[in-house]
Every structure is written in C-alpha cells, then in structure tokens.
Amino acid sequence: MTHVDHGLSPSTASIDVAVRPLDRDVVLVDTAGEIDLATHRQLELALSGALEPPAPGVLIADLSAVSFLDSAGVNALVNVQRRAETTGTELRIVSANRHVSRPLRITGVDRQLNLYGDRAAARE
C-alpha cells in the first residue's frame, strides 16, 4: 500500500491506496483512511490510472476501510465514473460502511454509481 501524508495530522490527511489486478479484466483499488480535500486527489489518480489502456472491463473501488468521505471525495468518484464510461469500464464501489454510504445517499450520487455491500458481490 502507498501511504500519503500531506503534512497534516494523520487523522485528517492520510490515505492508503493499493491498486492490483484481480484477473485479466478486473482491477481492484483498495482504499483506507479519510477521503477529504487533502486526500481525494490520491484516490482519483489511482482510479484514473487503473483506466489507462488497456482499460479493464471492471474497476472495483473498495472503500470498506474508509472512515470519512467528504464532498471532494464524492466528486472524485463521480469524475472517475464519467471517465470509466468513456473507456467502457464498469466502476463498482464497495460502500459497506456508513462513512461512505451516507454521503453518497445524501448527495444523491448513490443513484449514479454502482454500489455494492462487499467485495465479493462487486466481483461477481
């Protein structure tokens, strides 16, 4: 995993992101920590990088270990969703916890994204 510290306290500005192929046509991006104004770009870059040619058929963003998601993080997911659509990739978000599902639901973005309760469901 890559640890990014933006010079703020770890509780407000750290994120761990790991990108790995699960098989020939599925890429997983595991994310842990807080996705906010200081860290959202790291998530967006990792997800966008996974869409570089040859783009996978499925890109899974597992946010199960995310403890905070603000509007910058929500916007990053929407941006990646738009990019995924242009590459023919299906973006699947694992939003198993309230820290992720609540902001997506409140903003209405839950209706735009493909959300799954766990990684196994997202992989099927």
Protein backbone atom coordinates (compact mmCIF):
# COMPACT_ATOMS: atom_id res chain seq x y z
CA MET A 1 0.00 0.00 0.00
CA THR A 2 1.07 3.56 -0.57
CA HIS A 3 0.82 5.93 2.37
CA VAL A 4 0.38 9.59 1.56
CA ASP A 5 0.83 12.21 4.26
CA HIS A 6 0.10 15.78 3.24
CA GLY A 7 1.79 17.33 6.26
CA LEU A 8 -1.35 17.46 8.38
CA SER A 9 -2.12 15.20 11.29
CA PRO A 10 -2.60 11.58 10.21
CA SER A 11 -6.18 11.58 11.46
CA THR A 12 -7.15 14.30 8.98
CA ALA A 13 -4.88 13.79 6.00
CA SER A 14 -3.73 10.26 5.39
CA ILE A 15 -4.88 7.70 2.92
CA ASP A 16 -3.65 4.29 1.87
CA VAL A 17 -4.33 3.20 -1.69
CA ALA A 18 -3.34 -0.09 -3.29
CA VAL A 19 -4.05 -0.96 -6.93
CA ARG A 20 -3.88 -4.56 -8.12
CA PRO A 21 -5.33 -6.69 -10.87
CA LEU A 22 -7.64 -9.46 -9.67
CA ASP A 23 -7.71 -11.15 -13.05
CA ARG A 24 -7.35 -10.31 -16.72
CA ASP A 25 -10.30 -7.92 -16.81
CA VAL A 26 -10.82 -6.79 -13.19
CA VAL A 27 -8.73 -4.26 -11.26
CA LEU A 28 -9.15 -3.60 -7.54
CA VAL A 29 -8.33 -0.33 -5.80
CA ASP A 30 -8.27 -0.79 -2.02
CA THR A 31 -8.54 2.45 -0.07
CA ALA A 32 -8.26 3.09 3.67
CA GLY A 33 -8.32 6.28 5.69
CA GLU A 34 -10.08 9.58 5.21
CA ILE A 35 -11.02 10.89 1.80
CA ASP A 36 -11.28 14.64 2.04
CA LEU A 37 -9.98 17.83 0.45
CA ALA A 38 -6.39 16.90 1.33
CA THR A 39 -6.53 13.30 0.05
CA HIS A 40 -9.22 12.95 -2.62
CA ARG A 41 -6.75 13.57 -5.43
CA GLN A 42 -4.73 10.48 -4.47
CA LEU A 43 -7.83 8.31 -4.80
CA GLU A 44 -8.83 9.92 -8.09
CA LEU A 45 -5.34 9.46 -9.54
CA ALA A 46 -5.22 5.80 -8.53
CA LEU A 47 -8.63 5.06 -10.02
CA SER A 48 -7.94 7.07 -13.18
CA GLY A 49 -4.57 5.37 -13.58
CA ALA A 50 -6.28 1.99 -13.49
CA LEU A 51 -8.34 3.13 -16.50
CA GLU A 52 -5.29 3.68 -18.72
CA PRO A 53 -5.27 1.50 -21.84
CA PRO A 54 -5.91 -1.29 -21.91
CA ALA A 55 -8.76 -0.37 -19.57
CA PRO A 56 -10.26 -3.22 -17.55
CA GLY A 57 -13.87 -4.30 -18.01
CA VAL A 58 -14.47 -3.82 -14.29
CA LEU A 59 -12.81 -1.44 -11.84
CA ILE A 60 -13.64 -2.08 -8.18
CA ALA A 61 -13.05 0.72 -5.68
CA ASP A 62 -13.20 -0.93 -2.25
CA LEU A 63 -13.92 1.82 0.25
CA SER A 64 -14.76 -0.55 3.14
CA ALA A 65 -11.86 0.76 5.21
CA VAL A 66 -12.64 4.44 4.58
CA SER A 67 -13.52 6.25 7.79
CA PHE A 68 -14.58 9.59 6.28
CA LEU A 69 -15.80 10.76 2.87
CA ASP A 70 -16.48 14.43 2.17
CA SER A 71 -17.78 16.24 -0.91
CA ALA A 72 -14.32 16.31 -2.51
CA GLY A 73 -14.21 12.52 -2.30
CA VAL A 74 -17.74 12.20 -3.66
CA ASN A 75 -16.77 14.46 -6.56
CA ALA A 76 -13.68 12.35 -7.24
CA LEU A 77 -15.85 9.23 -7.53
CA VAL A 78 -18.23 10.98 -9.93
CA ASN A 79 -15.28 12.17 -12.05
CA VAL A 80 -13.88 8.66 -12.26
CA GLN A 81 -17.33 7.25 -13.09
CA ARG A 82 -17.55 9.60 -16.07
CA ARG A 83 -14.08 8.61 -17.23
CA ALA A 84 -14.86 4.91 -16.79
CA GLU A 85 -17.90 5.28 -19.01
CA THR A 86 -15.74 6.68 -21.82
CA THR A 87 -13.40 3.67 -21.63
CA GLY A 88 -16.17 1.08 -21.45
CA THR A 89 -15.24 0.14 -17.88
CA GLU A 90 -17.83 -0.57 -15.23
CA LEU A 91 -16.88 1.21 -11.99
CA ARG A 92 -18.12 -0.66 -8.93
CA ILE A 93 -17.92 0.93 -5.49
CA VAL A 94 -17.83 -1.17 -2.32
CA SER A 95 -19.56 1.11 0.17
CA ALA A 96 -20.16 -1.26 3.05
CA ASN A 97 -19.90 1.28 5.83
CA ARG A 98 -21.95 4.28 6.86
CA HIS A 99 -18.98 6.66 6.46
CA VAL A 100 -19.18 6.08 2.71
CA SER A 101 -22.80 5.17 2.04
CA ARG A 102 -24.31 8.11 3.92
CA PRO A 103 -22.59 10.93 1.98
CA LEU A 104 -23.35 9.13 -1.29
CA ARG A 105 -27.00 8.78 -0.33
CA ILE A 106 -27.37 12.36 0.97
CA THR A 107 -25.91 13.83 -2.22
CA GLY A 108 -27.96 11.54 -4.45
CA VAL A 109 -24.80 10.13 -6.03
CA ASP A 110 -25.84 6.66 -4.89
CA ARG A 111 -28.24 6.67 -7.85
CA GLN A 112 -25.39 7.36 -10.31
CA LEU A 113 -22.82 4.86 -9.06
CA ASN A 114 -22.83 1.07 -8.96
CA LEU A 115 -22.73 0.37 -5.21
CA TYR A 116 -22.09 -3.00 -3.57
CA GLY A 117 -22.17 -4.16 0.03
CA ASP A 118 -18.97 -6.20 -0.15
CA ARG A 119 -16.07 -7.04 -2.41
CA ALA A 120 -17.41 -10.50 -3.33
CA ALA A 121 -20.66 -9.01 -4.64
CA ALA A 122 -18.75 -6.36 -6.59
CA ARG A 123 -16.57 -9.00 -8.19
CA GLU A 124 -19.45 -11.18 -9.45
